[in-house]
Amino acid sequence: MTTIDIGGGKSVQRRHLPKTMLREFDTAAAAFSETQAAVRAWVKPLHPMQGAVDSSGTVTCNAPSQSGLAYTLGEVGGALLVDQRDVAAFAKLGFTDVPSQQPSNSRVGLVFLDTATGEYLRWNGSAWAPVTLE
């Protein structure tokens, strides 16, 4: 890379920076890259799961081989993202995989992944609307 993007639509030639500043930039860029990789590794095992019609509340997964995370399902029968290590515990509670096709039997809180847009959509009682799973 011969130029460095400094934001705001501007860039600077690497050779124009003092050596100490260039070293600091390279160190920060490497640390940022490592942090991005750590976040990707953490997010990758998250699995979307749909709660049963009457499911709600908090589930803590602290048994051996589980994540140790506490999940709160704020909407009765809603959906959330679950660590792969905790999928079996949620399945025992009646949770299922979020479908990748629009379900024919809609109910409030039902979610599916719209593969055309890559967004999760939730039935609000009258229409499908984008939702961010937590």
N, C-alpha and C. Protein backbone atom coordinates (compact mmCIF):
# COMPACT_ATOMS: atom_id res chain seq x y z
N MET A 1 0.86 -1.16 0.00
CA MET A 1 0.00 0.00 0.00
C MET A 1 0.91 1.22 0.00
N THR A 2 0.77 2.07 -1.00
CA THR A 2 1.59 3.27 -1.09
C THR A 2 0.91 4.49 -0.51
N THR A 3 -0.42 4.41 -0.33
CA THR A 3 -1.15 5.51 0.29
C THR A 3 -1.91 5.01 1.50
N ILE A 4 -2.20 5.93 2.41
CA ILE A 4 -2.97 5.61 3.62
C ILE A 4 -4.21 6.48 3.60
N ASP A 5 -5.38 5.83 3.74
CA ASP A 5 -6.64 6.56 3.82
C ASP A 5 -6.73 7.18 5.21
N ILE A 6 -6.81 8.49 5.27
CA ILE A 6 -6.89 9.17 6.58
C ILE A 6 -8.30 9.68 6.87
N GLY A 7 -9.27 9.26 6.07
CA GLY A 7 -10.67 9.62 6.29
C GLY A 7 -11.04 10.93 5.63
N GLY A 8 -12.31 11.18 5.57
CA GLY A 8 -12.80 12.41 4.96
C GLY A 8 -12.48 12.53 3.48
N GLY A 9 -12.31 11.39 2.83
CA GLY A 9 -12.00 11.40 1.40
C GLY A 9 -10.56 11.79 1.10
N LYS A 10 -9.71 11.78 2.10
CA LYS A 10 -8.30 12.17 1.91
C LYS A 10 -7.38 10.98 2.16
N SER A 11 -6.25 11.03 1.50
CA SER A 11 -5.22 10.02 1.72
C SER A 11 -3.86 10.71 1.68
N VAL A 12 -2.87 9.99 2.17
CA VAL A 12 -1.51 10.53 2.22
C VAL A 12 -0.55 9.44 1.75
N GLN A 13 0.50 9.85 1.08
CA GLN A 13 1.53 8.91 0.65
C GLN A 13 2.30 8.43 1.87
N ARG A 14 2.53 7.12 1.96
CA ARG A 14 3.26 6.56 3.10
C ARG A 14 4.62 7.23 3.25
N ARG A 15 5.27 7.50 2.14
CA ARG A 15 6.64 8.05 2.18
C ARG A 15 6.67 9.48 2.74
N HIS A 16 5.52 10.14 2.84
CA HIS A 16 5.48 11.50 3.37
C HIS A 16 5.35 11.55 4.89
N LEU A 17 5.06 10.41 5.51
CA LEU A 17 4.89 10.37 6.95
C LEU A 17 6.23 10.15 7.66
N PRO A 18 6.40 10.77 8.83
CA PRO A 18 7.61 10.48 9.62
C PRO A 18 7.62 9.00 10.00
N LYS A 19 8.81 8.42 10.12
CA LYS A 19 8.94 6.98 10.39
C LYS A 19 8.23 6.57 11.68
N THR A 20 8.29 7.40 12.72
CA THR A 20 7.62 7.03 13.98
C THR A 20 6.10 7.00 13.79
N MET A 21 5.56 7.95 13.06
CA MET A 21 4.12 7.99 12.81
C MET A 21 3.70 6.80 11.95
N LEU A 22 4.52 6.45 10.98
CA LEU A 22 4.24 5.32 10.11
C LEU A 22 4.24 4.02 10.91
N ARG A 23 5.19 3.87 11.84
CA ARG A 23 5.23 2.67 12.70
C ARG A 23 3.97 2.62 13.58
N GLU A 24 3.59 3.77 14.14
CA GLU A 24 2.38 3.81 14.97
C GLU A 24 1.14 3.43 14.15
N PHE A 25 1.07 3.93 12.93
CA PHE A 25 -0.07 3.60 12.06
C PHE A 25 -0.09 2.10 11.77
N ASP A 26 1.05 1.54 11.40
CA ASP A 26 1.12 0.12 11.08
C ASP A 26 0.76 -0.75 12.28
N THR A 27 1.20 -0.34 13.47
CA THR A 27 0.87 -1.09 14.69
C THR A 27 -0.64 -1.02 14.96
N ALA A 28 -1.20 0.18 14.83
CA ALA A 28 -2.64 0.34 15.06
C ALA A 28 -3.45 -0.43 14.01
N ALA A 29 -3.02 -0.39 12.76
CA ALA A 29 -3.73 -1.11 11.70
C ALA A 29 -3.70 -2.61 11.95
N ALA A 30 -2.55 -3.13 12.42
CA ALA A 30 -2.45 -4.56 12.71
C ALA A 30 -3.35 -4.93 13.90
N ALA A 31 -3.37 -4.07 14.94
CA ALA A 31 -4.23 -4.34 16.10
C ALA A 31 -5.70 -4.31 15.71
N PHE A 32 -6.08 -3.37 14.85
CA PHE A 32 -7.46 -3.28 14.38
C PHE A 32 -7.84 -4.54 13.61
N SER A 33 -6.94 -4.99 12.75
CA SER A 33 -7.19 -6.19 11.96
C SER A 33 -7.38 -7.41 12.86
N GLU A 34 -6.57 -7.52 13.90
CA GLU A 34 -6.69 -8.64 14.84
C GLU A 34 -8.02 -8.57 15.60
N THR A 35 -8.42 -7.36 15.98
CA THR A 35 -9.68 -7.18 16.69
C THR A 35 -10.86 -7.54 15.79
N GLN A 36 -10.80 -7.12 14.52
CA GLN A 36 -11.85 -7.49 13.57
C GLN A 36 -11.97 -9.01 13.47
N ALA A 37 -10.82 -9.69 13.39
CA ALA A 37 -10.82 -11.15 13.28
C ALA A 37 -11.43 -11.78 14.53
N ALA A 38 -11.13 -11.23 15.71
CA ALA A 38 -11.68 -11.76 16.95
C ALA A 38 -13.19 -11.57 16.99
N VAL A 39 -13.67 -10.41 16.53
CA VAL A 39 -15.12 -10.16 16.50
C VAL A 39 -15.79 -11.11 15.52
N ARG A 40 -15.19 -11.28 14.34
CA ARG A 40 -15.76 -12.22 13.35
C ARG A 40 -15.83 -13.63 13.92
N ALA A 41 -14.77 -14.05 14.63
CA ALA A 41 -14.74 -15.40 15.20
C ALA A 41 -15.82 -15.55 16.27
N TRP A 42 -16.08 -14.48 17.02
CA TRP A 42 -17.09 -14.55 18.06
C TRP A 42 -18.49 -14.55 17.47
N VAL A 43 -18.71 -13.73 16.44
CA VAL A 43 -20.04 -13.60 15.84
C VAL A 43 -20.39 -14.82 15.00
N LYS A 44 -19.41 -15.42 14.37
CA LYS A 44 -19.65 -16.52 13.45
C LYS A 44 -20.49 -17.65 14.05
N PRO A 45 -20.25 -18.03 15.31
CA PRO A 45 -21.04 -19.15 15.81
C PRO A 45 -22.46 -18.80 16.25
N LEU A 46 -22.91 -17.58 16.05
CA LEU A 46 -24.28 -17.24 16.46
C LEU A 46 -25.30 -17.82 15.49
N HIS A 47 -26.34 -18.38 16.05
CA HIS A 47 -27.34 -19.11 15.27
C HIS A 47 -28.73 -18.54 15.57
N PRO A 48 -29.49 -18.14 14.54
CA PRO A 48 -30.82 -17.58 14.79
C PRO A 48 -31.82 -18.68 15.16
N MET A 49 -32.54 -18.46 16.27
CA MET A 49 -33.52 -19.45 16.72
C MET A 49 -34.83 -18.75 17.06
N GLN A 50 -35.92 -19.41 16.70
CA GLN A 50 -37.28 -18.91 16.94
C GLN A 50 -37.84 -19.55 18.18
N GLY A 51 -38.35 -18.72 19.10
CA GLY A 51 -38.95 -19.24 20.31
C GLY A 51 -40.30 -19.87 20.06
N ALA A 52 -40.67 -20.78 20.94
CA ALA A 52 -42.01 -21.36 20.87
C ALA A 52 -43.03 -20.26 21.15
N VAL A 53 -44.28 -20.49 20.80
CA VAL A 53 -45.34 -19.49 20.92
C VAL A 53 -45.37 -18.84 22.30
N ASP A 54 -45.16 -19.61 23.36
CA ASP A 54 -45.28 -19.09 24.72
C ASP A 54 -43.94 -18.84 25.42
N SER A 55 -42.82 -18.91 24.68
CA SER A 55 -41.52 -18.75 25.32
C SER A 55 -41.20 -17.28 25.56
N SER A 56 -40.58 -17.01 26.72
CA SER A 56 -40.12 -15.66 27.06
C SER A 56 -39.19 -15.76 28.25
N GLY A 57 -38.60 -14.66 28.64
CA GLY A 57 -37.77 -14.63 29.83
C GLY A 57 -36.29 -14.76 29.54
N THR A 58 -35.54 -15.17 30.57
CA THR A 58 -34.09 -15.26 30.50
C THR A 58 -33.64 -16.71 30.63
N VAL A 59 -32.67 -17.08 29.80
CA VAL A 59 -32.06 -18.41 29.85
C VAL A 59 -30.56 -18.20 30.03
N THR A 60 -29.99 -18.84 31.05
CA THR A 60 -28.55 -18.78 31.28
C THR A 60 -27.95 -20.13 30.94
N CYS A 61 -26.97 -20.12 30.08
CA CYS A 61 -26.33 -21.36 29.61
C CYS A 61 -24.95 -21.47 30.24
N ASN A 62 -24.90 -22.01 31.47
CA ASN A 62 -23.62 -22.10 32.16
C ASN A 62 -23.22 -23.52 32.52
N ALA A 63 -23.80 -24.49 31.85
CA ALA A 63 -23.40 -25.88 32.06
C ALA A 63 -22.07 -26.11 31.33
N PRO A 64 -21.35 -27.19 31.71
CA PRO A 64 -20.11 -27.49 30.98
C PRO A 64 -20.38 -27.59 29.48
N SER A 65 -19.50 -27.09 28.71
CA SER A 65 -19.55 -27.05 27.23
C SER A 65 -20.51 -26.01 26.68
N GLN A 66 -21.16 -25.22 27.54
CA GLN A 66 -22.01 -24.12 27.07
C GLN A 66 -21.24 -22.81 27.15
N SER A 67 -21.80 -21.76 26.58
CA SER A 67 -21.11 -20.48 26.43
C SER A 67 -20.97 -19.67 27.71
N GLY A 68 -21.87 -19.87 28.67
CA GLY A 68 -21.87 -19.04 29.87
C GLY A 68 -22.69 -17.77 29.69
N LEU A 69 -23.31 -17.61 28.54
CA LEU A 69 -24.10 -16.41 28.25
C LEU A 69 -25.50 -16.51 28.84
N ALA A 70 -26.07 -15.33 29.15
CA ALA A 70 -27.46 -15.24 29.56
C ALA A 70 -28.22 -14.56 28.43
N TYR A 71 -29.30 -15.15 28.00
CA TYR A 71 -30.12 -14.64 26.90
C TYR A 71 -31.45 -14.18 27.45
N THR A 72 -31.93 -13.05 26.95
CA THR A 72 -33.25 -12.57 27.35
C THR A 72 -34.11 -12.43 26.11
N LEU A 73 -35.21 -13.12 26.10
CA LEU A 73 -36.17 -13.04 25.01
C LEU A 73 -37.24 -12.05 25.43
N GLY A 74 -37.14 -10.84 24.91
CA GLY A 74 -38.02 -9.76 25.33
C GLY A 74 -39.44 -9.86 24.82
N GLU A 75 -39.63 -10.57 23.75
CA GLU A 75 -40.97 -10.70 23.16
C GLU A 75 -41.41 -12.15 23.25
N VAL A 76 -42.58 -12.39 23.78
CA VAL A 76 -43.09 -13.76 23.88
C VAL A 76 -43.14 -14.36 22.47
N GLY A 77 -42.49 -15.52 22.33
CA GLY A 77 -42.47 -16.22 21.05
C GLY A 77 -41.56 -15.60 20.01
N GLY A 78 -40.69 -14.68 20.41
CA GLY A 78 -39.79 -14.00 19.48
C GLY A 78 -38.59 -14.86 19.09
N ALA A 79 -37.61 -14.22 18.47
CA ALA A 79 -36.42 -14.91 18.00
C ALA A 79 -35.19 -14.20 18.53
N LEU A 80 -34.09 -14.94 18.61
CA LEU A 80 -32.83 -14.35 19.04
C LEU A 80 -31.66 -15.12 18.46
N LEU A 81 -30.46 -14.54 18.60
CA LEU A 81 -29.24 -15.20 18.15
C LEU A 81 -28.65 -15.97 19.33
N VAL A 82 -28.29 -17.23 19.08
CA VAL A 82 -27.82 -18.13 20.12
C VAL A 82 -26.43 -18.64 19.74
N ASP A 83 -25.53 -18.66 20.70
CA ASP A 83 -24.21 -19.23 20.48
C ASP A 83 -24.38 -20.72 20.12
N GLN A 84 -23.57 -21.19 19.17
CA GLN A 84 -23.67 -22.59 18.72
C GLN A 84 -23.62 -23.57 19.89
N ARG A 85 -22.82 -23.25 20.92
CA ARG A 85 -22.69 -24.16 22.07
C ARG A 85 -23.98 -24.28 22.87
N ASP A 86 -24.92 -23.35 22.66
CA ASP A 86 -26.15 -23.33 23.44
C ASP A 86 -27.39 -23.78 22.65
N VAL A 87 -27.21 -24.12 21.40
CA VAL A 87 -28.34 -24.50 20.53
C VAL A 87 -29.12 -25.68 21.11
N ALA A 88 -28.43 -26.68 21.61
CA ALA A 88 -29.11 -27.87 22.15
C ALA A 88 -29.99 -27.51 23.34
N ALA A 89 -29.52 -26.61 24.20
CA ALA A 89 -30.33 -26.20 25.36
C ALA A 89 -31.60 -25.49 24.90
N PHE A 90 -31.48 -24.64 23.89
CA PHE A 90 -32.66 -23.93 23.39
C PHE A 90 -33.61 -24.89 22.66
N ALA A 91 -33.07 -25.86 21.96
CA ALA A 91 -33.92 -26.85 21.28
C ALA A 91 -34.76 -27.61 22.31
N LYS A 92 -34.18 -27.92 23.47
CA LYS A 92 -34.92 -28.61 24.53
C LYS A 92 -36.06 -27.75 25.07
N LEU A 93 -35.93 -26.43 24.92
CA LEU A 93 -36.97 -25.51 25.38
C LEU A 93 -38.03 -25.23 24.30
N GLY A 94 -37.91 -25.92 23.16
CA GLY A 94 -38.89 -25.76 22.10
C GLY A 94 -38.53 -24.74 21.03
N PHE A 95 -37.32 -24.20 21.08
CA PHE A 95 -36.88 -23.27 20.04
C PHE A 95 -36.53 -24.06 18.78
N THR A 96 -36.72 -23.41 17.63
CA THR A 96 -36.40 -24.02 16.35
C THR A 96 -35.54 -23.05 15.53
N ASP A 97 -34.95 -23.56 14.47
CA ASP A 97 -34.16 -22.70 13.58
C ASP A 97 -35.08 -21.68 12.93
N VAL A 98 -34.57 -20.46 12.77
CA VAL A 98 -35.32 -19.44 12.03
C VAL A 98 -35.34 -19.89 10.57
N PRO A 99 -36.50 -19.99 9.95
CA PRO A 99 -36.57 -20.46 8.56
C PRO A 99 -36.00 -19.44 7.57
N SER A 100 -35.62 -19.95 6.41
CA SER A 100 -35.10 -19.06 5.36
C SER A 100 -36.15 -18.83 4.28
N GLN A 101 -37.37 -19.20 4.57
CA GLN A 101 -38.49 -18.93 3.67
C GLN A 101 -39.63 -18.35 4.50
N GLN A 102 -40.40 -17.50 3.87
CA GLN A 102 -41.53 -16.88 4.57
C GLN A 102 -42.52 -17.96 4.98
N PRO A 103 -42.81 -18.07 6.28
CA PRO A 103 -43.77 -19.08 6.73
C PRO A 103 -45.18 -18.76 6.24
N SER A 104 -45.95 -19.80 6.00
CA SER A 104 -47.33 -19.60 5.54
C SER A 104 -48.27 -19.32 6.70
N ASN A 105 -47.91 -19.79 7.89
CA ASN A 105 -48.75 -19.55 9.08
C ASN A 105 -48.07 -18.49 9.94
N SER A 106 -48.50 -17.24 9.82
CA SER A 106 -47.88 -16.12 10.51
C SER A 106 -48.49 -15.92 11.90
N ARG A 107 -47.66 -15.47 12.82
CA ARG A 107 -48.09 -15.05 14.15
C ARG A 107 -47.15 -13.94 14.59
N VAL A 108 -47.60 -13.06 15.47
CA VAL A 108 -46.78 -11.96 15.94
C VAL A 108 -45.50 -12.52 16.55
N GLY A 109 -44.37 -11.96 16.16
CA GLY A 109 -43.08 -12.38 16.68
C GLY A 109 -42.37 -13.40 15.81
N LEU A 110 -43.06 -13.97 14.84
CA LEU A 110 -42.44 -14.96 13.96
C LEU A 110 -41.43 -14.27 13.06
N VAL A 111 -40.26 -14.89 12.89
CA VAL A 111 -39.16 -14.29 12.12
C VAL A 111 -38.72 -15.28 11.05
N PHE A 112 -38.28 -14.74 9.90
CA PHE A 112 -37.62 -15.58 8.90
C PHE A 112 -36.52 -14.76 8.25
N LEU A 113 -35.55 -15.46 7.66
CA LEU A 113 -34.45 -14.80 6.95
C LEU A 113 -34.83 -14.67 5.49
N ASP A 114 -34.97 -13.44 5.03
CA ASP A 114 -35.27 -13.17 3.62
C ASP A 114 -33.94 -13.29 2.87
N THR A 115 -33.74 -14.41 2.20
CA THR A 115 -32.46 -14.65 1.53
C THR A 115 -32.20 -13.67 0.39
N ALA A 116 -33.24 -13.11 -0.19
CA ALA A 116 -33.06 -12.15 -1.28
C ALA A 116 -32.41 -10.86 -0.79
N THR A 117 -32.77 -10.44 0.42
CA THR A 117 -32.22 -9.18 0.95
C THR A 117 -31.16 -9.42 2.04
N GLY A 118 -31.11 -10.64 2.59
CA GLY A 118 -30.18 -10.94 3.66
C GLY A 118 -30.63 -10.37 5.00
N GLU A 119 -31.91 -9.97 5.10
CA GLU A 119 -32.44 -9.38 6.33
C GLU A 119 -33.40 -10.34 7.01
N TYR A 120 -33.46 -10.23 8.33
CA TYR A 120 -34.47 -10.95 9.08
C TYR A 120 -35.73 -10.10 9.05
N LEU A 121 -36.86 -10.75 8.81
CA LEU A 121 -38.15 -10.07 8.79
C LEU A 121 -39.03 -10.67 9.88
N ARG A 122 -39.76 -9.81 10.58
CA ARG A 122 -40.63 -10.21 11.68
C ARG A 122 -42.07 -9.84 11.36
N TRP A 123 -42.99 -10.75 11.67
CA TRP A 123 -44.42 -10.49 11.46
C TRP A 123 -44.92 -9.67 12.65
N ASN A 124 -45.45 -8.48 12.39
CA ASN A 124 -45.92 -7.60 13.47
C ASN A 124 -47.44 -7.68 13.67
N GLY A 125 -48.07 -8.58 12.97
CA GLY A 125 -49.51 -8.74 13.07
C GLY A 125 -50.24 -8.32 11.82
N SER A 126 -49.57 -7.47 11.01
CA SER A 126 -50.19 -7.04 9.78
C SER A 126 -49.23 -7.03 8.58
N ALA A 127 -47.93 -7.04 8.86
CA ALA A 127 -46.96 -6.99 7.76
C ALA A 127 -45.60 -7.54 8.24
N TRP A 128 -44.75 -7.92 7.28
CA TRP A 128 -43.39 -8.34 7.57
C TRP A 128 -42.52 -7.08 7.59
N ALA A 129 -41.72 -6.92 8.64
CA ALA A 129 -40.86 -5.75 8.76
C ALA A 129 -39.46 -6.17 9.18
N PRO A 130 -38.42 -5.47 8.71
CA PRO A 130 -37.04 -5.82 9.08
C PRO A 130 -36.85 -5.75 10.61
N VAL A 131 -36.05 -6.67 11.13
CA VAL A 131 -35.76 -6.72 12.56
C VAL A 131 -34.29 -7.12 12.74
N THR A 132 -33.68 -6.61 13.78
CA THR A 132 -32.31 -6.99 14.13
C THR A 132 -32.38 -7.95 15.30
N LEU A 133 -31.86 -9.15 15.10
CA LEU A 133 -31.86 -10.13 16.18
C LEU A 133 -30.69 -9.86 17.11
N GLU A 134 -30.93 -10.05 18.39
CA GLU A 134 -29.87 -9.83 19.38
C GLU A 134 -29.53 -11.12 20.07
